[in-house]
PDB file of N, CA and C in Angstrom:
ATOM      1  N   MET A   1       0.789  -1.206   0.092  1.00  0.00           N
ATOM      2  CA  MET A   1       0.228   0.196   0.393  1.00  0.00           C
ATOM      3  C   MET A   1       0.817   1.634   0.008  1.00  0.00           C
ATOM      4  N   ILE A   2       1.923   1.432   0.852  1.00  0.00           N
ATOM      5  CA  ILE A   2       2.960   2.049   0.803  1.00  0.00           C
ATOM      6  C   ILE A   2       3.596   2.518   0.032  1.00  0.00           C
ATOM      7  N   THR A   3       4.301   1.533  -0.618  1.00  0.00           N
ATOM      8  CA  THR A   3       4.928   1.407  -2.024  1.00  0.00           C
ATOM      9  C   THR A   3       4.132   1.813  -3.030  1.00  0.00           C
ATOM     10  N   SER A   4       2.997   1.504  -3.417  1.00  0.00           N
ATOM     11  CA  SER A   4       2.048   1.806  -4.887  1.00  0.00           C
ATOM     12  C   SER A   4       1.834   3.313  -4.237  1.00  0.00           C
ATOM     13  N   ALA A   5       1.455   3.567  -3.648  1.00  0.00           N
ATOM     14  CA  ALA A   5       1.078   5.048  -2.712  1.00  0.00           C
ATOM     15  C   ALA A   5       2.370   5.924  -3.240  1.00  0.00           C
ATOM     16  N   GLN A   6       3.733   5.839  -3.497  1.00  0.00           N
ATOM     17  CA  GLN A   6       5.013   6.396  -3.601  1.00  0.00           C
ATOM     18  C   GLN A   6       4.903   6.571  -5.109  1.00  0.00           C
ATOM     19  N   ILE A   7       4.885   5.490  -5.676  1.00  0.00           N
ATOM     20  CA  ILE A   7       5.038   4.895  -6.771  1.00  0.00           C
ATOM     21  C   ILE A   7       4.015   5.966  -7.673  1.00  0.00           C
ATOM     22  N   GLU A   8       2.851   6.179  -7.134  1.00  0.00           N
ATOM     23  CA  GLU A   8       1.988   7.077  -7.729  1.00  0.00           C
ATOM     24  C   GLU A   8       2.335   8.193  -7.817  1.00  0.00           C
ATOM     25  N   TRP A   9       2.986   8.950  -6.320  1.00  0.00           N
ATOM     26  CA  TRP A   9       3.542  10.202  -6.171  1.00  0.00           C
ATOM     27  C   TRP A   9       4.429  10.694  -7.060  1.00  0.00           C
ATOM     28  N   THR A  10       5.244   9.417  -7.697  1.00  0.00           N
ATOM     29  CA  THR A  10       6.433  10.053  -8.198  1.00  0.00           C
ATOM     30  C   THR A  10       6.242   9.791  -9.342  1.00  0.00           C
ATOM     31  N   SER A  11       4.910   9.155  -9.892  1.00  0.00           N
ATOM     32  CA  SER A  11       4.956   9.556 -11.588  1.00  0.00           C
ATOM     33  C   SER A  11       4.049  11.116 -11.546  1.00  0.00           C
ATOM     34  N   ALA A  12       3.277  11.018 -10.234  1.00  0.00           N
ATOM     35  CA  ALA A  12       1.917  12.696 -10.989  1.00  0.00           C
ATOM     36  C   ALA A  12       3.032  13.511 -10.552  1.00  0.00           C
ATOM     37  N   MET A  13       4.237  12.782  -9.748  1.00  0.00           N
ATOM     38  CA  MET A  13       5.123  14.923  -9.934  1.00  0.00           C
ATOM     39  C   MET A  13       5.944  14.575 -11.270  1.00  0.00           C
ATOM     40  N   THR A  14       6.369  13.917 -11.819  1.00  0.00           N
ATOM     41  CA  THR A  14       7.287  13.272 -12.761  1.00  0.00           C
ATOM     42  C   THR A  14       5.968  13.917 -14.630  1.00  0.00           C
ATOM     43  N   LYS A  15       4.807  13.485 -13.941  1.00  0.00           N
ATOM     44  CA  LYS A  15       4.094  13.915 -15.052  1.00  0.00           C
ATOM     45  C   LYS A  15       3.803  15.755 -15.452  1.00  0.00           C
ATOM     46  N   ALA A  16       3.785  15.971 -13.720  1.00  0.00           N
ATOM     47  CA  ALA A  16       3.157  17.321 -13.167  1.00  0.00           C
ATOM     48  C   ALA A  16       4.509  18.498 -13.897  1.00  0.00           C
ATOM     49  N   LEU A  17       5.790  18.265 -13.414  1.00  0.00           N
ATOM     50  CA  LEU A  17       7.389  18.561 -13.514  1.00  0.00           C
ATOM     51  C   LEU A  17       7.529  18.517 -15.549  1.00  0.00           C
ATOM     52  N   ILE A  18       6.955  17.393 -16.319  1.00  0.00           N
ATOM     53  CA  ILE A  18       6.894  17.498 -17.799  1.00  0.00           C
ATOM     54  C   ILE A  18       6.394  18.533 -18.133  1.00  0.00           C
ATOM     55  N   GLU A  19       4.435  18.779 -17.599  1.00  0.00           N
ATOM     56  CA  GLU A  19       3.987  19.511 -18.428  1.00  0.00           C
ATOM     57  C   GLU A  19       4.569  20.958 -17.315  1.00  0.00           C
ATOM     58  N   MET A  20       4.931  21.042 -16.726  1.00  0.00           N
ATOM     59  CA  MET A  20       5.784  22.344 -16.846  1.00  0.00           C
ATOM     60  C   MET A  20       6.486  22.824 -17.470  1.00  0.00           C
ATOM     61  N   SER A  21       7.611  21.695 -17.865  1.00  0.00           N
ATOM     62  CA  SER A  21       8.720  22.805 -18.886  1.00  0.00           C
ATOM     63  C   SER A  21       8.103  22.808 -20.332  1.00  0.00           C
ATOM     64  N   GLU A  22       6.727  22.012 -20.282  1.00  0.00           N
ATOM     65  CA  GLU A  22       6.372  22.377 -21.930  1.00  0.00           C
ATOM     66  C   GLU A  22       5.283  23.285 -22.197  1.00  0.00           C
ATOM     67  N   LYS A  23       4.564  23.949 -20.790  1.00  0.00           N
ATOM     68  CA  LYS A  23       3.410  24.878 -20.658  1.00  0.00           C
ATOM     69  C   LYS A  23       3.879  25.700 -19.040  1.00  0.00           C
ATOM     70  N   PRO A  24       5.103  26.364 -19.407  1.00  0.00           N
ATOM     71  CA  PRO A  24       5.176  27.192 -17.647  1.00  0.00           C
ATOM     72  C   PRO A  24       4.395  27.793 -17.181  1.00  0.00           C
ATOM     73  N   GLU A  25       3.437  28.235 -18.323  1.00  0.00           N
ATOM     74  CA  GLU A  25       1.678  29.305 -17.630  1.00  0.00           C
ATOM     75  C   GLU A  25       0.771  28.191 -17.185  1.00  0.00           C
ATOM     76  N   LEU A  26       0.969  27.052 -17.070  1.00  0.00           N
ATOM     77  CA  LEU A  26       0.227  26.647 -16.837  1.00  0.00           C
ATOM     78  C   LEU A  26       0.825  25.763 -14.908  1.00  0.00           C
ATOM     79  N   ASN A  27       0.510  25.961 -14.026  1.00  0.00           N
ATOM     80  CA  ASN A  27       0.633  25.584 -12.989  1.00  0.00           C
ATOM     81  C   ASN A  27       0.087  24.384 -12.550  1.00  0.00           C
ATOM     82  N   PRO A  28       0.901  23.028 -13.409  1.00  0.00           N
ATOM     83  CA  PRO A  28       0.498  21.673 -12.999  1.00  0.00           C
ATOM     84  C   PRO A  28       0.591  21.407 -11.559  1.00  0.00           C
ATOM     85  N   LEU A  29       1.066  21.784 -10.856  1.00  0.00           N
ATOM     86  CA  LEU A  29       1.903  21.393  -9.529  1.00  0.00           C
ATOM     87  C   LEU A  29       0.631  21.817  -8.838  1.00  0.00           C
ATOM     88  N   LYS A  30      -0.261  22.964  -8.674  1.00  0.00           N
ATOM     89  CA  LYS A  30      -0.987  23.133  -8.160  1.00  0.00           C
ATOM     90  C   LYS A  30      -1.874  21.859  -7.901  1.00  0.00           C
ATOM     91  N   LYS A  31      -2.564  21.606  -8.954  1.00  0.00           N
ATOM     92  CA  LYS A  31      -3.313  20.237  -9.115  1.00  0.00           C
ATOM     93  C   LYS A  31      -2.777  19.385  -8.632  1.00  0.00           C
ATOM     94  N   VAL A  32      -1.331  19.041  -8.560  1.00  0.00           N
ATOM     95  CA  VAL A  32      -0.880  17.960  -7.692  1.00  0.00           C
ATOM     96  C   VAL A  32      -0.822  17.520  -6.463  1.00  0.00           C
ATOM     97  N   ARG A  33      -1.002  19.189  -6.256  1.00  0.00           N
ATOM     98  CA  ARG A  33      -0.763  19.514  -4.389  1.00  0.00           C
ATOM     99  C   ARG A  33      -2.261  19.449  -4.129  1.00  0.00           C
ATOM    100  N   ALA A  34      -3.248  20.089  -4.533  1.00  0.00           N
ATOM    101  CA  ALA A  34      -4.585  19.869  -3.834  1.00  0.00           C
ATOM    102  C   ALA A  34      -5.017  18.369  -4.285  1.00  0.00           C
ATOM    103  N   LEU A  35      -4.829  17.326  -4.776  1.00  0.00           N
ATOM    104  CA  LEU A  35      -4.909  16.126  -5.158  1.00  0.00           C
ATOM    105  C   LEU A  35      -4.576  15.350  -3.687  1.00  0.00           C
ATOM    106  N   TYR A  36      -3.228  15.910  -3.606  1.00  0.00           N
ATOM    107  CA  TYR A  36      -2.242  15.591  -2.232  1.00  0.00           C
ATOM    108  C   TYR A  36      -2.684  15.767  -1.026  1.00  0.00           C
ATOM    109  N   LYS A  37      -3.216  17.080  -1.181  1.00  0.00           N
ATOM    110  CA  LYS A  37      -4.622  17.771  -0.091  1.00  0.00           C
ATOM    111  C   LYS A  37      -5.518  16.552   0.254  1.00  0.00           C
ATOM    112  N   LYS A  38      -5.530  16.555  -0.807  1.00  0.00           N
ATOM    113  CA  LYS A  38      -7.701  15.813  -0.998  1.00  0.00           C
ATOM    114  C   LYS A  38      -7.723  14.413  -0.003  1.00  0.00           C
ATOM    115  N   LYS A  39      -5.920  13.716  -0.487  1.00  0.00           N
ATOM    116  CA  LYS A  39      -6.127  12.355  -0.388  1.00  0.00           C
ATOM    117  C   LYS A  39      -5.863  12.213   0.968  1.00  0.00           C
ATOM    118  N   THR A  40      -5.298  13.655   1.889  1.00  0.00           N
ATOM    119  CA  THR A  40      -4.242  13.025   3.307  1.00  0.00           C
ATOM    120  C   THR A  40      -6.433  13.340   4.145  1.00  0.00           C
ATOM    121  N   GLU A  41      -6.660  14.604   3.688  1.00  0.00           N
ATOM    122  CA  GLU A  41      -8.202  14.398   4.255  1.00  0.00           C
ATOM    123  C   GLU A  41      -8.983  13.072   4.279  1.00  0.00           C
ATOM    124  N   LEU A  42      -9.045  12.560   3.341  1.00  0.00           N
ATOM    125  CA  LEU A  42      -9.717  11.101   3.103  1.00  0.00           C
ATOM    126  C   LEU A  42      -9.091   9.873   3.921  1.00  0.00           C
ATOM    127  N   TYR A  43      -7.508  10.177   4.027  1.00  0.00           N
ATOM    128  CA  TYR A  43      -7.029   9.028   5.284  1.00  0.00           C
ATOM    129  C   TYR A  43      -7.499   9.757   6.035  1.00  0.00           C
ATOM    130  N   VAL A  44      -7.545  10.409   7.161  1.00  0.00           N
ATOM    131  CA  VAL A  44      -7.500  11.455   7.864  1.00  0.00           C
ATOM    132  C   VAL A  44      -9.417  10.579   8.446  1.00  0.00           C
ATOM    133  N   GLU A  45      -9.925  10.671   7.005  1.00  0.00           N
ATOM    134  CA  GLU A  45     -11.425  10.385   7.512  1.00  0.00           C
ATOM    135  C   GLU A  45     -11.695   9.284   7.882  1.00  0.00           C
ATOM    136  N   CYS A  46     -11.034   8.152   7.174  1.00  0.00           N
ATOM    137  CA  CYS A  46     -10.676   6.632   7.522  1.00  0.00           C
ATOM    138  C   CYS A  46     -10.248   6.348   8.877  1.00  0.00           C
ATOM    139  N   VAL A  47      -9.269   6.801   9.042  1.00  0.00           N
ATOM    140  CA  VAL A  47      -8.808   6.518  10.673  1.00  0.00           C
ATOM    141  C   VAL A  47      -9.939   7.333  11.968  1.00  0.00           C
ATOM    142  N   GLU A  48     -10.257   7.971  11.641  1.00  0.00           N
ATOM    143  CA  GLU A  48     -11.576   8.080  12.683  1.00  0.00           C
ATOM    144  C   GLU A  48     -12.711   7.691  12.436  1.00  0.00           C
ATOM    145  N   LYS A  49     -12.536   6.482  11.630  1.00  0.00           N
ATOM    146  CA  LYS A  49     -14.044   5.954  11.504  1.00  0.00           C
ATOM    147  C   LYS A  49     -13.425   4.583  12.839  1.00  0.00           C
ATOM    148  N   PRO A  50     -14.979   4.557  13.325  1.00  0.00           N
ATOM    149  CA  PRO A  50     -14.348   3.162  13.882  1.00  0.00           C
ATOM    150  C   PRO A  50     -14.736   1.633  13.740  1.00  0.00           C
ATOM    151  N   GLY A  51     -13.720   1.032  14.208  1.00  0.00           N
ATOM    152  CA  GLY A  51     -14.277  -0.908  13.872  1.00  0.00           C
ATOM    153  C   GLY A  51     -12.954  -0.917  12.884  1.00  0.00           C
ATOM    154  N   LEU A  52     -11.736  -0.027  12.546  1.00  0.00           N
ATOM    155  CA  LEU A  52     -10.823  -0.067  11.987  1.00  0.00           C
ATOM    156  C   LEU A  52     -10.041  -1.066  13.132  1.00  0.00           C
ATOM    157  N   SER A  53      -9.091  -2.195  12.374  1.00  0.00           N
ATOM    158  CA  SER A  53      -8.201  -2.711  13.195  1.00  0.00           C
ATOM    159  C   SER A  53      -6.879  -2.086  13.186  1.00  0.00           C
ATOM    160  N   TYR A  54      -6.197  -1.776  13.901  1.00  0.00           N
ATOM    161  CA  TYR A  54      -5.370  -1.417  14.797  1.00  0.00           C
ATOM    162  C   TYR A  54      -3.800  -1.788  13.881  1.00  0.00           C
ATOM    163  N   ARG A  55      -3.389  -2.914  12.745  1.00  0.00           N
ATOM    164  CA  ARG A  55      -3.242  -2.666  12.192  1.00  0.00           C
ATOM    165  C   ARG A  55      -3.425  -2.035  10.976  1.00  0.00           C
ATOM    166  N   ASP A  56      -4.272  -2.159  10.355  1.00  0.00           N
ATOM    167  CA  ASP A  56      -4.975  -1.198   8.974  1.00  0.00           C
ATOM    168  C   ASP A  56      -5.041   0.503   9.339  1.00  0.00           C
ATOM    169  N   ARG A  57      -5.352   0.696  10.759  1.00  0.00           N
ATOM    170  CA  ARG A  57      -5.034   1.808  11.320  1.00  0.00           C
ATOM    171  C   ARG A  57      -3.650   2.777  11.216  1.00  0.00           C
ATOM    172  N   GLN A  58      -2.583   2.011  11.945  1.00  0.00           N
ATOM    173  CA  GLN A  58      -1.356   1.935  11.500  1.00  0.00           C
ATOM    174  C   GLN A  58      -0.549   2.529  10.380  1.00  0.00           C
ATOM    175  N   LYS A  59      -1.570   1.352   9.097  1.00  0.00           N
ATOM    176  CA  LYS A  59      -0.487   1.351   8.009  1.00  0.00           C
ATOM    177  C   LYS A  59      -1.258   3.017   7.479  1.00  0.00           C
ATOM    178  N   ILE A  60      -2.653   3.064   7.850  1.00  0.00           N
ATOM    179  CA  ILE A  60      -2.806   4.864   7.248  1.00  0.00           C
ATOM    180  C   ILE A  60      -2.477   5.693   7.837  1.00  0.00           C
ATOM    181  N   ILE A  61      -2.048   5.587   9.385  1.00  0.00           N
ATOM    182  CA  ILE A  61      -1.445   6.948   9.690  1.00  0.00           C
ATOM    183  C   ILE A  61       0.040   7.006   9.037  1.00  0.00           C
ATOM    184  N   ALA A  62       0.766   5.970   8.899  1.00  0.00           N
ATOM    185  CA  ALA A  62       1.551   6.040   8.036  1.00  0.00           C
ATOM    186  C   ALA A  62       1.723   6.762   6.646  1.00  0.00           C
ATOM    187  N   LEU A  63       0.683   6.436   5.863  1.00  0.00           N
ATOM    188  CA  LEU A  63       0.759   7.363   4.797  1.00  0.00           C
ATOM    189  C   LEU A  63      -0.144   8.470   4.835  1.00  0.00           C
ATOM    190  N   ILE A  64      -0.480   8.835   5.826  1.00  0.00           N
ATOM    191  CA  ILE A  64      -1.000  10.288   6.407  1.00  0.00           C
ATOM    192  C   ILE A  64       0.286  11.021   6.979  1.00  0.00           C
ATOM    193  N   ILE A  65       1.246  11.036   6.945  1.00  0.00           N
ATOM    194  CA  ILE A  65       2.555  11.068   7.222  1.00  0.00           C
ATOM    195  C   ILE A  65       3.623  11.290   5.907  1.00  0.00           C
ATOM    196  N   ILE A  66       3.213   9.862   5.108  1.00  0.00           N
ATOM    197  CA  ILE A  66       4.178  10.263   3.461  1.00  0.00           C
ATOM    198  C   ILE A  66       3.604  11.026   2.912  1.00  0.00           C
ATOM    199  N   GLU A  67       1.756  11.366   3.050  1.00  0.00           N
ATOM    200  CA  GLU A  67       1.364  12.007   2.133  1.00  0.00           C
ATOM    201  C   GLU A  67       1.873  13.431   2.621  1.00  0.00           C
ATOM    202  N   GLU A  68       2.079  14.169   3.416  1.00  0.00           N
ATOM    203  CA  GLU A  68       1.918  15.403   4.221  1.00  0.00           C
ATOM    204  C   GLU A  68       3.494  15.407   3.817  1.00  0.00           C
ATOM    205  N   HIS A  69       4.625  14.284   3.741  1.00  0.00           N
ATOM    206  CA  HIS A  69       6.019  15.014   3.544  1.00  0.00           C
ATOM    207  C   HIS A  69       5.938  15.346   2.350  1.00  0.00           C
ATOM    208  N   ASN A  70       4.995  14.308   1.103  1.00  0.00           N
ATOM    209  CA  ASN A  70       4.717  14.708  -0.544  1.00  0.00           C
ATOM    210  C   ASN A  70       4.540  16.128  -0.457  1.00  0.00           C
ATOM    211  N   ARG A  71       3.571  16.275  -0.023  1.00  0.00           N
ATOM    212  CA  ARG A  71       2.720  17.472  -0.184  1.00  0.00           C
ATOM    213  C   ARG A  71       3.680  18.922   0.116  1.00  0.00           C
ATOM    214  N   GLU A  72       4.379  18.828   0.997  1.00  0.00           N
ATOM    215  CA  GLU A  72       5.372  19.787   1.685  1.00  0.00           C
ATOM    216  C   GLU A  72       6.593  19.902   0.415  1.00  0.00           C
ATOM    217  N   VAL A  73       6.932  18.796  -0.353  1.00  0.00           N
ATOM    218  CA  VAL A  73       8.222  18.666  -0.744  1.00  0.00           C
ATOM    219  C   VAL A  73       7.060  19.368  -2.287  1.00  0.00           C
ATOM    220  N   ILE A  74       6.353  19.140  -2.556  1.00  0.00           N
ATOM    221  CA  ILE A  74       5.238  19.960  -3.540  1.00  0.00           C
ATOM    222  C   ILE A  74       5.570  20.992  -3.417  1.00  0.00           C
ATOM    223  N   GLU A  75       5.353  21.716  -2.724  1.00  0.00           N
ATOM    224  CA  GLU A  75       4.960  23.016  -2.667  1.00  0.00           C
ATOM    225  C   GLU A  75       6.642  23.411  -2.176  1.00  0.00           C
ATOM    226  N   LYS A  76       7.764  22.900  -1.872  1.00  0.00           N
ATOM    227  CA  LYS A  76       9.225  23.570  -1.704  1.00  0.00           C
ATOM    228  C   LYS A  76       9.591  23.498  -3.415  1.00  0.00           C
ATOM    229  N   ILE A  77       9.073  22.541  -4.316  1.00  0.00           N
ATOM    230  CA  ILE A  77       9.404  22.742  -5.601  1.00  0.00           C
ATOM    231  C   ILE A  77       8.894  23.956  -6.465  1.00  0.00           C
ATOM    232  N   ALA A  78       7.375  24.220  -5.724  1.00  0.00           N
ATOM    233  CA  ALA A  78       6.519  24.601  -6.036  1.00  0.00           C
ATOM    234  C   ALA A  78       6.694  26.145  -5.870  1.00  0.00           C
ATOM    235  N   ALA A  79       7.465  26.847  -5.083  1.00  0.00           N
ATOM    236  CA  ALA A  79       7.960  27.673  -4.657  1.00  0.00           C
ATOM    237  C   ALA A  79       9.471  28.160  -5.395  1.00  0.00           C
ATOM    238  N   ASN A  80      10.161  27.000  -5.435  1.00  0.00           N
ATOM    239  CA  ASN A  80      11.452  27.513  -6.220  1.00  0.00           C
ATOM    240  C   ASN A  80      11.480  27.522  -7.609  1.00  0.00           C
ATOM    241  N   LYS A  81      11.463  28.247  -8.094  1.00  0.00           N
ATOM    242  CA  LYS A  81      10.892  28.609  -9.774  1.00  0.00           C
ATOM    243  C   LYS A  81      12.166  28.095 -10.183  1.00  0.00           C
ATOM    244  N   GLY A  82      13.592  27.436 -10.053  1.00  0.00           N
ATOM    245  CA  GLY A  82      14.291  27.191 -10.949  1.00  0.00           C
ATOM    246  C   GLY A  82      13.934  25.800 -11.225  1.00  0.00           C
ATOM    247  N   VAL A  83      12.402  24.677 -10.110  1.00  0.00           N
ATOM    248  CA  VAL A  83      12.550  23.869 -10.952  1.00  0.00           C
ATOM    249  C   VAL A  83      11.369  23.874 -12.066  1.00  0.00           C
ATOM    250  N   ASN A  84      11.874  23.365 -13.104  1.00  0.00           N
ATOM    251  CA  ASN A  84      11.365  23.424 -14.281  1.00  0.00           C
ATOM    252  C   ASN A  84      11.124  22.250 -15.066  1.00  0.00           C
ATOM    253  N   SER A  85      11.720  21.361 -14.699  1.00  0.00           N
ATOM    254  CA  SER A  85      11.846  20.215 -15.075  1.00  0.00           C
ATOM    255  C   SER A  85      12.250  18.774 -14.212  1.00  0.00           C
ATOM    256  N   GLU A  86      11.933  17.163 -15.064  1.00  0.00           N
ATOM    257  CA  GLU A  86      11.931  16.175 -14.179  1.00  0.00           C
ATOM    258  C   GLU A  86      13.312  15.980 -14.455  1.00  0.00           C
ATOM    259  N   ASN A  87      14.392  16.253 -14.739  1.00  0.00           N
ATOM    260  CA  ASN A  87      15.238  15.928 -14.732  1.00  0.00           C
ATOM    261  C   ASN A  87      15.975  17.112 -13.848  1.00  0.00           C
ATOM    262  N   HIS A  88      15.460  18.029 -13.295  1.00  0.00           N
ATOM    263  CA  HIS A  88      16.252  19.147 -12.334  1.00  0.00           C
ATOM    264  C   HIS A  88      16.970  18.727 -11.062  1.00  0.00           C
ATOM    265  N   PHE A  89      17.849  19.184 -10.499  1.00  0.00           N
ATOM    266  CA  PHE A  89      18.846  18.641  -9.590  1.00  0.00           C
ATOM    267  C   PHE A  89      17.807  18.478  -7.949  1.00  0.00           C
ATOM    268  N   GLU A  90      17.348  19.597  -7.652  1.00  0.00           N
ATOM    269  CA  GLU A  90      16.057  19.887  -6.650  1.00  0.00           C
ATOM    270  C   GLU A  90      15.366  18.501  -6.397  1.00  0.00           C
ATOM    271  N   TRP A  91      14.590  18.578  -8.045  1.00  0.00           N
ATOM    272  CA  TRP A  91      13.800  16.848  -8.026  1.00  0.00           C
ATOM    273  C   TRP A  91      14.276  16.084  -7.112  1.00  0.00           C
TER     274      TRP A  91
END
């Protein structure tokens, strides 16, 4: 579950950075950032529901932490105007 989430995030970011290099006037990082904010909110809702096993709750909590970190990385890349392709060192 966590591995597939990381693969999905890397793929989404690569696609957004490619779009950014082709069409800099659009801001594809905003879309990715909004998507990951929404995903984190959904995970929090899942954790708050009763009846979730301890192991599943811990997995979702780990996903929340990872997705929040990913969202912070997206914000950092968006703030750094020098990152404009998937081959940039900061990425």
